[in-house]
Amino acid sequence: MNSFASDSLGSLGTAVGVFLALVGIATLVGTPWAYKSGSLVLAAGQIFGALAAVGIGAGLAWLAAQK
């Protein structure tokens, strides 16, 4: 049986995972906390969220790539 036909959402999961990881990296590179007049808690929350997006995206891409 063709493995591509049996798992039609594997490539979609990989693409979404890679996109999510790239969004997290772009957020870290863009440093949005440097332009806000917020507190240290706000900056820490944004950094944590960006790192979490990278981790979740990498995990999703890895899970989707497993056969």
C-alpha atoms as a PDB file:
ATOM      1  CA  MET A   1       0.000   0.000   0.000  1.00  0.00           C
ATOM      2  CA  ASN A   2       1.211   3.479  -0.790  1.00  0.00           C
ATOM      3  CA  SER A   3       2.152   5.306   2.428  1.00  0.00           C
ATOM      4  CA  PHE A   4       1.344   8.672   0.851  1.00  0.00           C
ATOM      5  CA  ALA A   5      -2.243   7.630   0.212  1.00  0.00           C
ATOM      6  CA  SER A   6      -2.698   6.191   3.691  1.00  0.00           C
ATOM      7  CA  ASP A   7      -1.664   9.388   5.499  1.00  0.00           C
ATOM      8  CA  SER A   8      -3.130  12.350   3.690  1.00  0.00           C
ATOM      9  CA  LEU A   9      -2.584  14.846   6.513  1.00  0.00           C
ATOM     10  CA  GLY A  10       1.078  14.066   7.270  1.00  0.00           C
ATOM     11  CA  SER A  11       2.441  16.667   4.904  1.00  0.00           C
ATOM     12  CA  LEU A  12      -0.059  19.237   6.161  1.00  0.00           C
ATOM     13  CA  GLY A  13       1.015  18.628   9.758  1.00  0.00           C
ATOM     14  CA  THR A  14       4.655  19.006   8.797  1.00  0.00           C
ATOM     15  CA  ALA A  15       3.970  22.230   6.910  1.00  0.00           C
ATOM     16  CA  VAL A  16       1.961  23.714   9.787  1.00  0.00           C
ATOM     17  CA  GLY A  17       4.653  22.721  12.281  1.00  0.00           C
ATOM     18  CA  VAL A  18       7.417  24.314  10.229  1.00  0.00           C
ATOM     19  CA  PHE A  19       5.318  27.454   9.741  1.00  0.00           C
ATOM     20  CA  LEU A  20       4.649  27.708  13.472  1.00  0.00           C
ATOM     21  CA  ALA A  21       8.337  27.304  14.269  1.00  0.00           C
ATOM     22  CA  LEU A  22       9.242  29.984  11.724  1.00  0.00           C
ATOM     23  CA  VAL A  23       6.670  32.371  13.198  1.00  0.00           C
ATOM     24  CA  GLY A  24       8.182  31.851  16.642  1.00  0.00           C
ATOM     25  CA  ILE A  25      11.692  32.483  15.328  1.00  0.00           C
ATOM     26  CA  ALA A  26      10.540  35.591  13.465  1.00  0.00           C
ATOM     27  CA  THR A  27       8.919  36.864  16.644  1.00  0.00           C
ATOM     28  CA  LEU A  28      12.168  36.389  18.561  1.00  0.00           C
ATOM     29  CA  VAL A  29      14.177  38.129  15.844  1.00  0.00           C
ATOM     30  CA  GLY A  30      11.676  40.983  15.608  1.00  0.00           C
ATOM     31  CA  THR A  31      11.883  41.665  19.375  1.00  0.00           C
ATOM     32  CA  PRO A  32       8.389  43.163  19.796  1.00  0.00           C
ATOM     33  CA  TRP A  33       9.035  43.696  23.522  1.00  0.00           C
ATOM     34  CA  ALA A  34      11.627  46.368  22.679  1.00  0.00           C
ATOM     35  CA  TYR A  35       8.959  48.651  21.182  1.00  0.00           C
ATOM     36  CA  LYS A  36       6.243  48.337  23.817  1.00  0.00           C
ATOM     37  CA  SER A  37       6.123  50.470  26.922  1.00  0.00           C
ATOM     38  CA  GLY A  38       5.208  47.466  29.046  1.00  0.00           C
ATOM     39  CA  SER A  39       6.745  45.873  32.046  1.00  0.00           C
ATOM     40  CA  LEU A  40       9.292  43.113  32.399  1.00  0.00           C
ATOM     41  CA  VAL A  41       6.435  40.641  32.876  1.00  0.00           C
ATOM     42  CA  LEU A  42       5.046  41.547  29.444  1.00  0.00           C
ATOM     43  CA  ALA A  43       8.436  41.070  27.803  1.00  0.00           C
ATOM     44  CA  ALA A  44       8.958  37.739  29.561  1.00  0.00           C
ATOM     45  CA  GLY A  45       5.497  36.588  28.457  1.00  0.00           C
ATOM     46  CA  GLN A  46       6.203  37.473  24.831  1.00  0.00           C
ATOM     47  CA  ILE A  47       9.569  35.706  24.908  1.00  0.00           C
ATOM     48  CA  PHE A  48       8.010  32.642  26.507  1.00  0.00           C
ATOM     49  CA  GLY A  49       5.224  32.614  23.927  1.00  0.00           C
ATOM     50  CA  ALA A  50       7.683  32.831  21.034  1.00  0.00           C
ATOM     51  CA  LEU A  51       9.823  30.028  22.464  1.00  0.00           C
ATOM     52  CA  ALA A  52       6.709  27.941  23.071  1.00  0.00           C
ATOM     53  CA  ALA A  53       5.636  28.462  19.448  1.00  0.00           C
ATOM     54  CA  VAL A  54       9.030  27.242  18.258  1.00  0.00           C
ATOM     55  CA  GLY A  55       8.847  24.199  20.529  1.00  0.00           C
ATOM     56  CA  ILE A  56       5.284  23.295  19.619  1.00  0.00           C
ATOM     57  CA  GLY A  57       5.946  23.822  15.915  1.00  0.00           C
ATOM     58  CA  ALA A  58       9.084  21.667  15.985  1.00  0.00           C
ATOM     59  CA  GLY A  59       7.258  18.977  17.939  1.00  0.00           C
ATOM     60  CA  LEU A  60       4.329  18.978  15.544  1.00  0.00           C
ATOM     61  CA  ALA A  61       6.606  18.774  12.519  1.00  0.00           C
ATOM     62  CA  TRP A  62       8.530  15.910  14.116  1.00  0.00           C
ATOM     63  CA  LEU A  63       5.359  14.018  15.025  1.00  0.00           C
ATOM     64  CA  ALA A  64       3.879  14.478  11.569  1.00  0.00           C
ATOM     65  CA  ALA A  65       7.101  13.290   9.932  1.00  0.00           C
ATOM     66  CA  GLN A  66       7.176  10.046  11.960  1.00  0.00           C
ATOM     67  CA  LYS A  67       5.743   7.101  10.092  1.00  0.00           C
END
